[in-house]
Protein backbone atom coordinates (compact mmCIF):
# COMPACT_ATOMS: atom_id res chain seq x y z
CA MET A 1 1.20 11.90 -19.43
CA SER A 2 0.04 10.14 -22.90
CA GLN A 3 0.70 7.18 -24.86
CA TYR A 4 0.91 6.70 -28.29
CA PHE A 5 -0.56 4.12 -30.99
CA ASP A 6 1.42 4.16 -34.22
CA VAL A 7 1.06 2.85 -37.63
CA GLY A 8 4.50 3.74 -38.93
CA ASP A 9 5.18 7.45 -38.24
CA GLU A 10 1.10 8.43 -38.39
CA THR A 11 -0.44 8.34 -35.16
CA LEU A 12 -3.87 6.69 -34.63
CA TRP A 13 -4.41 7.29 -31.13
CA ASN A 14 -2.97 9.77 -28.08
CA PRO A 15 -4.66 8.18 -24.96
CA SER A 16 -3.89 9.07 -21.21
CA ASN A 17 -1.62 6.39 -19.71
CA GLY A 18 -4.89 5.19 -18.28
CA ALA A 19 -7.14 4.92 -20.87
CA SER A 20 -3.81 3.31 -22.50
CA ARG A 21 -3.33 0.69 -19.62
CA MET A 22 -7.36 -0.19 -19.88
CA PHE A 23 -7.05 -0.84 -23.47
CA GLN A 24 -4.20 -2.74 -23.69
CA ARG A 25 -5.49 -5.26 -20.95
CA HIS A 26 -8.91 -5.43 -23.08
CA VAL A 27 -6.79 -6.50 -25.83
CA ALA A 28 -4.79 -9.35 -24.11
CA LEU A 29 -8.16 -10.40 -23.25
CA PHE A 30 -9.51 -10.09 -26.62
CA GLU A 31 -6.46 -12.19 -28.00
CA ALA A 32 -6.98 -14.77 -25.67
CA GLU A 33 -10.71 -15.14 -26.72
CA LEU A 34 -10.12 -15.13 -30.38
CA ALA A 35 -7.00 -17.79 -30.22
CA LEU A 36 -4.99 -14.73 -32.85
CA PRO A 37 -2.11 -12.08 -32.38
CA SER A 38 -4.02 -8.54 -32.61
CA GLY A 39 -1.19 -6.76 -33.97
CA ILE A 40 -0.93 -4.00 -31.31
CA GLY A 41 2.82 -4.57 -30.37
CA PRO A 42 4.11 -3.72 -27.10
CA MET A 43 4.00 -0.54 -25.42
CA GLU A 44 7.68 0.61 -25.43
CA ASN A 45 8.85 4.46 -24.25
CA ASP A 46 5.01 5.11 -24.27
CA ASP A 47 5.16 3.92 -27.71
CA CYS A 48 3.05 1.61 -29.70
CA GLN A 49 3.68 0.36 -32.97
CA ILE A 50 0.72 -1.54 -34.56
CA ASP A 51 0.82 -3.99 -37.42
CA PRO A 52 -1.87 -3.28 -40.19
CA VAL A 53 -2.18 -6.81 -42.06
CA THR A 54 -2.29 -8.20 -38.30
CA PHE A 55 -4.30 -5.96 -37.32
CA GLY A 56 -6.97 -6.31 -39.77
CA THR A 57 -7.05 -10.26 -39.51
CA PHE A 58 -7.96 -9.29 -35.74
CA VAL A 59 -10.75 -6.83 -36.37
CA ASN A 60 -12.42 -8.51 -38.70
CA ALA A 61 -12.39 -11.79 -36.42
CA LEU A 62 -13.60 -9.67 -33.72
CA LEU A 63 -16.45 -8.01 -35.70
CA ALA A 64 -17.13 -11.38 -37.02
CA GLN A 65 -17.70 -12.67 -33.24
CA HIS A 66 -19.19 -10.11 -32.08
CA ARG A 67 -22.03 -10.72 -35.04
CA ARG A 68 -22.39 -13.80 -33.44
CA THR A 69 -23.87 -13.24 -30.21
CA GLY A 70 -27.05 -12.01 -29.08
CA HIS A 71 -26.35 -12.49 -25.71
CA ALA A 72 -27.03 -8.51 -23.52
CA VAL A 73 -24.60 -8.90 -21.05
CA LEU A 74 -21.11 -10.00 -23.74
CA LEU A 75 -22.60 -7.36 -25.88
CA ALA A 76 -22.25 -5.03 -23.03
CA LEU A 77 -18.84 -5.87 -22.06
CA SER A 78 -17.52 -5.68 -25.27
CA GLU A 79 -19.25 -2.74 -27.14
CA GLY A 80 -16.79 0.02 -26.10
CA PHE A 81 -14.10 -2.44 -27.08
CA VAL A 82 -15.23 -2.82 -30.29
CA ALA A 83 -15.81 0.41 -31.00
CA THR A 84 -12.36 1.69 -30.16
CA VAL A 85 -10.89 -1.00 -32.07
CA LEU A 86 -13.29 0.29 -34.99
CA VAL A 87 -12.03 4.14 -34.78
CA LEU A 88 -8.63 2.65 -34.75
CA ALA A 89 -8.85 0.44 -38.09
CA GLU A 90 -10.78 3.60 -39.75
CA ARG A 91 -7.97 5.78 -38.87
CA ALA A 92 -5.17 2.66 -40.17
CA GLY A 93 -6.83 2.28 -43.42
CA THR A 94 -8.32 -1.22 -42.43
CA LYS A 95 -10.63 -2.94 -44.97
CA LEU A 96 -13.70 -4.19 -43.25
CA ASP A 97 -16.10 -6.09 -45.47
CA TRP A 98 -19.64 -4.79 -44.44
CA ALA A 99 -21.60 -6.79 -46.59
CA GLN A 100 -20.08 -9.95 -45.09
CA LEU A 101 -20.47 -8.82 -41.85
CA GLU A 102 -24.23 -7.66 -41.60
CA ALA A 103 -24.65 -11.26 -43.55
CA ALA A 104 -26.34 -13.92 -41.11
CA PRO A 105 -23.78 -15.40 -39.66
CA ASP A 106 -21.72 -18.24 -40.34
CA GLY A 107 -21.69 -21.49 -38.44
CA PRO A 108 -22.92 -21.93 -35.10
CA LEU A 109 -24.54 -18.51 -32.82
CA GLU A 110 -22.03 -18.59 -29.95
CA ASP A 111 -22.97 -17.74 -26.38
CA VAL A 112 -26.34 -17.52 -26.68
CA GLN A 113 -28.96 -16.12 -23.99
CA LEU A 114 -32.11 -18.19 -23.40
CA SER A 115 -35.05 -16.26 -21.81
CA ALA A 116 -38.06 -18.65 -20.08
CA ALA A 117 -40.01 -16.13 -21.14
CA THR A 118 -38.69 -15.36 -25.02
CA GLY A 119 -36.63 -18.47 -25.83
CA MET A 120 -33.03 -17.60 -27.38
CA ALA A 121 -31.80 -14.14 -28.08
CA ALA A 122 -30.49 -14.18 -31.66
CA PRO A 123 -27.79 -11.45 -32.88
CA ALA A 124 -29.09 -8.18 -34.48
CA GLU A 125 -30.11 -7.65 -38.21
CA GLY A 126 -27.27 -7.17 -39.74
CA GLY A 127 -27.62 -3.59 -41.24
CA ALA A 128 -29.31 -2.70 -37.82
CA TRP A 129 -26.07 -4.19 -35.72
CA SER A 130 -23.62 -2.38 -38.53
CA ALA A 131 -25.46 0.92 -37.90
CA GLY A 132 -25.40 1.34 -34.42
CA LEU A 133 -21.44 0.08 -34.19
CA ARG A 134 -20.35 2.41 -36.39
CA GLU A 135 -22.71 5.70 -35.01
CA ARG A 136 -20.93 4.15 -31.72
CA ALA A 137 -17.58 4.12 -33.29
CA ARG A 138 -18.43 7.84 -34.98
CA GLU A 139 -19.09 9.73 -31.75
CA LEU A 140 -16.20 7.32 -29.89
CA GLY A 141 -13.58 8.41 -32.75
CA ARG A 142 -14.65 12.57 -31.99
CA ARG A 143 -13.72 12.30 -28.53
CA MET A 144 -10.32 9.95 -29.16
CA PRO A 145 -7.10 12.16 -29.21
CA ARG A 146 -4.85 11.60 -32.10
């Protein structure tokens, strides 16, 4: 069995039921964390519609939040979800402002990690951060069925 994540008549992703359930639970978690709707609708009859405008806003906010942390555990917990969302965003034609995202984070850093030996962990340099994330999304995208 599988489920479909669509924008209009175009299928962006056709995962197994288990992968779909876990992804949807992550969506709900990050909607709460960002206090934003994702644009990813409910799963009805194995089909989920994605609103591209709302989804674009969500993806950009998700990436901005991801960029503002240098906390190793938070990055590890969120990296797979962020890469999955990037694959869907690319397939949906979502516009992302990578130059702005790669710039030094706006506002205070979030959930910083402190170490007695090294001090505060800062977010990765912008170009390295986006290159690593984009590569992870490319690799994952090759394994994500449409």
